[in-house]
Amino acid sequence: MSGDLRGVRPYQHGDGRRRVHWHASAHTGDLMVRESEIRTDDPVRIVAALASDHDKADRLAEEAMARSSRK
């Protein structure tokens, strides 16, 4: 599991050759490796108790989705 590039850091023993960031290494004169954000692919479940009134249920569902996207 890896995610978006977070930055580069100095090479440490055991780092894979595929992680070497050659441009940054040339710039600094030392071996540098890419460091990525850790991303999990776990599914997210949203449970909301909706009202029997369709308009009110739509509003509650929109609020639940809006709250989940802020986290």
N, C-alpha and C. Protein backbone atom coordinates (compact mmCIF):
# COMPACT_ATOMS: atom_id res chain seq x y z
N MET A 1 0.84 -1.18 0.00
CA MET A 1 0.00 0.00 0.00
C MET A 1 0.88 1.24 0.00
N SER A 2 0.77 2.01 -1.00
CA SER A 2 1.49 3.27 -1.03
C SER A 2 0.56 4.30 -1.63
N GLY A 3 0.92 5.53 -1.40
CA GLY A 3 0.03 6.58 -1.86
C GLY A 3 0.77 7.64 -2.62
N ASP A 4 0.35 8.87 -2.45
CA ASP A 4 0.94 9.99 -3.15
C ASP A 4 2.32 10.31 -2.61
N LEU A 5 3.15 10.86 -3.48
CA LEU A 5 4.50 11.25 -3.08
C LEU A 5 4.44 12.33 -2.01
N ARG A 6 5.09 12.06 -0.88
CA ARG A 6 5.13 13.02 0.22
C ARG A 6 6.38 13.87 0.14
N GLY A 7 7.47 13.29 -0.31
CA GLY A 7 8.72 14.03 -0.40
C GLY A 7 9.86 13.06 -0.62
N VAL A 8 11.06 13.54 -0.38
CA VAL A 8 12.24 12.70 -0.49
C VAL A 8 13.00 12.75 0.82
N ARG A 9 13.78 11.70 1.06
CA ARG A 9 14.61 11.64 2.25
C ARG A 9 15.90 10.93 1.89
N PRO A 10 16.92 11.05 2.73
CA PRO A 10 18.18 10.36 2.44
C PRO A 10 18.00 8.84 2.41
N TYR A 11 18.75 8.19 1.56
CA TYR A 11 18.74 6.74 1.43
C TYR A 11 19.16 6.10 2.75
N GLN A 12 18.48 5.02 3.11
CA GLN A 12 18.85 4.23 4.28
C GLN A 12 19.07 2.80 3.84
N HIS A 13 19.97 2.10 4.49
CA HIS A 13 20.25 0.72 4.16
C HIS A 13 18.94 -0.08 4.14
N GLY A 14 18.70 -0.81 3.06
CA GLY A 14 17.48 -1.59 2.94
C GLY A 14 16.44 -0.96 2.04
N ASP A 15 16.58 0.32 1.71
CA ASP A 15 15.63 0.95 0.79
C ASP A 15 15.78 0.33 -0.59
N GLY A 16 14.68 0.12 -1.27
CA GLY A 16 14.70 -0.47 -2.60
C GLY A 16 15.26 0.48 -3.64
N ARG A 17 15.92 -0.10 -4.64
CA ARG A 17 16.50 0.71 -5.72
C ARG A 17 15.42 1.44 -6.51
N ARG A 18 14.25 0.87 -6.59
CA ARG A 18 13.17 1.50 -7.35
C ARG A 18 12.68 2.80 -6.70
N ARG A 19 12.98 2.98 -5.43
CA ARG A 19 12.52 4.19 -4.72
C ARG A 19 13.51 5.34 -4.84
N VAL A 20 14.69 5.10 -5.44
CA VAL A 20 15.69 6.17 -5.55
C VAL A 20 15.13 7.28 -6.44
N HIS A 21 15.23 8.50 -5.96
CA HIS A 21 14.80 9.68 -6.71
C HIS A 21 16.07 10.28 -7.32
N TRP A 22 16.29 9.93 -8.60
CA TRP A 22 17.56 10.28 -9.23
C TRP A 22 17.76 11.77 -9.39
N HIS A 23 16.71 12.52 -9.69
CA HIS A 23 16.85 13.96 -9.85
C HIS A 23 17.28 14.62 -8.53
N ALA A 24 16.63 14.25 -7.44
CA ALA A 24 17.00 14.81 -6.13
C ALA A 24 18.39 14.35 -5.72
N SER A 25 18.75 13.12 -6.06
CA SER A 25 20.09 12.61 -5.72
C SER A 25 21.16 13.40 -6.45
N ALA A 26 20.92 13.70 -7.73
CA ALA A 26 21.89 14.49 -8.51
C ALA A 26 22.00 15.90 -7.95
N HIS A 27 20.89 16.44 -7.50
CA HIS A 27 20.88 17.81 -6.97
C HIS A 27 21.63 17.91 -5.63
N THR A 28 21.44 16.92 -4.77
CA THR A 28 22.05 16.99 -3.44
C THR A 28 23.43 16.36 -3.37
N GLY A 29 23.73 15.45 -4.31
CA GLY A 29 25.01 14.75 -4.27
C GLY A 29 24.97 13.50 -3.41
N ASP A 30 23.85 13.21 -2.79
CA ASP A 30 23.66 12.01 -1.98
C ASP A 30 22.45 11.24 -2.52
N LEU A 31 22.43 9.94 -2.29
CA LEU A 31 21.27 9.16 -2.71
C LEU A 31 20.05 9.58 -1.90
N MET A 32 18.97 9.87 -2.61
CA MET A 32 17.70 10.25 -1.99
C MET A 32 16.63 9.29 -2.48
N VAL A 33 15.66 8.99 -1.63
CA VAL A 33 14.57 8.09 -2.01
C VAL A 33 13.23 8.79 -1.84
N ARG A 34 12.27 8.33 -2.65
CA ARG A 34 10.90 8.85 -2.55
C ARG A 34 10.25 8.33 -1.28
N GLU A 35 9.50 9.19 -0.64
CA GLU A 35 8.72 8.77 0.53
C GLU A 35 7.27 9.08 0.22
N SER A 36 6.41 8.07 0.37
CA SER A 36 5.01 8.20 0.01
C SER A 36 4.11 8.21 1.23
N GLU A 37 2.94 8.82 1.04
CA GLU A 37 1.90 8.76 2.04
C GLU A 37 1.36 7.34 2.07
N ILE A 38 1.05 6.84 3.23
CA ILE A 38 0.46 5.51 3.32
C ILE A 38 -1.04 5.66 3.14
N ARG A 39 -1.56 4.88 2.22
CA ARG A 39 -2.98 4.96 1.92
C ARG A 39 -3.59 3.58 2.13
N THR A 40 -4.68 3.52 2.83
CA THR A 40 -5.38 2.26 3.00
C THR A 40 -6.54 2.22 2.04
N ASP A 41 -6.85 1.06 1.58
CA ASP A 41 -7.96 0.89 0.66
C ASP A 41 -9.15 0.25 1.34
N ASP A 42 -9.26 0.48 2.65
CA ASP A 42 -10.37 -0.08 3.39
C ASP A 42 -11.66 0.64 2.99
N PRO A 43 -12.73 -0.12 2.78
CA PRO A 43 -14.00 0.52 2.42
C PRO A 43 -14.58 1.30 3.59
N VAL A 44 -15.36 2.29 3.26
CA VAL A 44 -16.01 3.12 4.27
C VAL A 44 -17.51 2.87 4.17
N ARG A 45 -18.14 2.68 5.32
CA ARG A 45 -19.59 2.48 5.35
C ARG A 45 -20.21 3.63 6.13
N ILE A 46 -21.22 4.23 5.54
CA ILE A 46 -21.97 5.30 6.20
C ILE A 46 -23.36 4.77 6.50
N VAL A 47 -23.75 4.85 7.76
CA VAL A 47 -25.08 4.40 8.17
C VAL A 47 -25.83 5.61 8.69
N ALA A 48 -27.00 5.85 8.12
CA ALA A 48 -27.81 6.98 8.56
C ALA A 48 -29.26 6.53 8.68
N ALA A 49 -29.90 6.92 9.77
CA ALA A 49 -31.33 6.63 9.95
C ALA A 49 -32.10 7.74 9.25
N LEU A 50 -32.82 7.37 8.20
CA LEU A 50 -33.53 8.37 7.40
C LEU A 50 -35.00 8.41 7.78
N ALA A 51 -35.56 9.59 7.61
CA ALA A 51 -36.98 9.80 7.92
C ALA A 51 -37.85 9.20 6.82
N SER A 52 -39.08 8.95 7.14
CA SER A 52 -40.00 8.41 6.13
C SER A 52 -40.42 9.48 5.11
N ASP A 53 -40.33 10.74 5.50
CA ASP A 53 -40.61 11.84 4.58
C ASP A 53 -39.45 11.94 3.58
N HIS A 54 -39.73 11.87 2.29
CA HIS A 54 -38.68 11.82 1.27
C HIS A 54 -37.81 13.07 1.24
N ASP A 55 -38.39 14.24 1.38
CA ASP A 55 -37.59 15.47 1.37
C ASP A 55 -36.64 15.53 2.56
N LYS A 56 -37.17 15.19 3.73
CA LYS A 56 -36.35 15.20 4.94
C LYS A 56 -35.26 14.12 4.84
N ALA A 57 -35.59 12.96 4.27
CA ALA A 57 -34.61 11.89 4.10
C ALA A 57 -33.49 12.33 3.17
N ASP A 58 -33.82 13.05 2.09
CA ASP A 58 -32.80 13.57 1.17
C ASP A 58 -31.86 14.53 1.88
N ARG A 59 -32.40 15.42 2.69
CA ARG A 59 -31.56 16.38 3.43
C ARG A 59 -30.63 15.66 4.41
N LEU A 60 -31.17 14.66 5.13
CA LEU A 60 -30.34 13.90 6.07
C LEU A 60 -29.24 13.14 5.35
N ALA A 61 -29.56 12.56 4.20
CA ALA A 61 -28.55 11.83 3.43
C ALA A 61 -27.46 12.79 2.94
N GLU A 62 -27.84 13.96 2.47
CA GLU A 62 -26.86 14.96 2.03
C GLU A 62 -25.94 15.38 3.17
N GLU A 63 -26.51 15.58 4.35
CA GLU A 63 -25.70 15.96 5.52
C GLU A 63 -24.72 14.85 5.89
N ALA A 64 -25.19 13.62 5.85
CA ALA A 64 -24.31 12.49 6.19
C ALA A 64 -23.15 12.39 5.21
N MET A 65 -23.42 12.56 3.93
CA MET A 65 -22.37 12.49 2.92
C MET A 65 -21.40 13.67 3.06
N ALA A 66 -21.92 14.85 3.36
CA ALA A 66 -21.07 16.02 3.54
C ALA A 66 -20.13 15.84 4.72
N ARG A 67 -20.63 15.29 5.80
CA ARG A 67 -19.80 15.06 6.98
C ARG A 67 -18.71 14.03 6.69
N SER A 68 -19.05 12.99 5.93
CA SER A 68 -18.07 11.94 5.65
C SER A 68 -16.96 12.45 4.74
N SER A 69 -17.24 13.40 3.87
CA SER A 69 -16.21 13.90 2.96
C SER A 69 -15.25 14.86 3.64
N ARG A 70 -15.60 15.40 4.80
CA ARG A 70 -14.73 16.33 5.53
C ARG A 70 -13.66 15.61 6.31
N LYS A 71 -13.78 14.32 6.52
CA LYS A 71 -12.83 13.57 7.35
C LYS A 71 -11.74 12.95 6.56
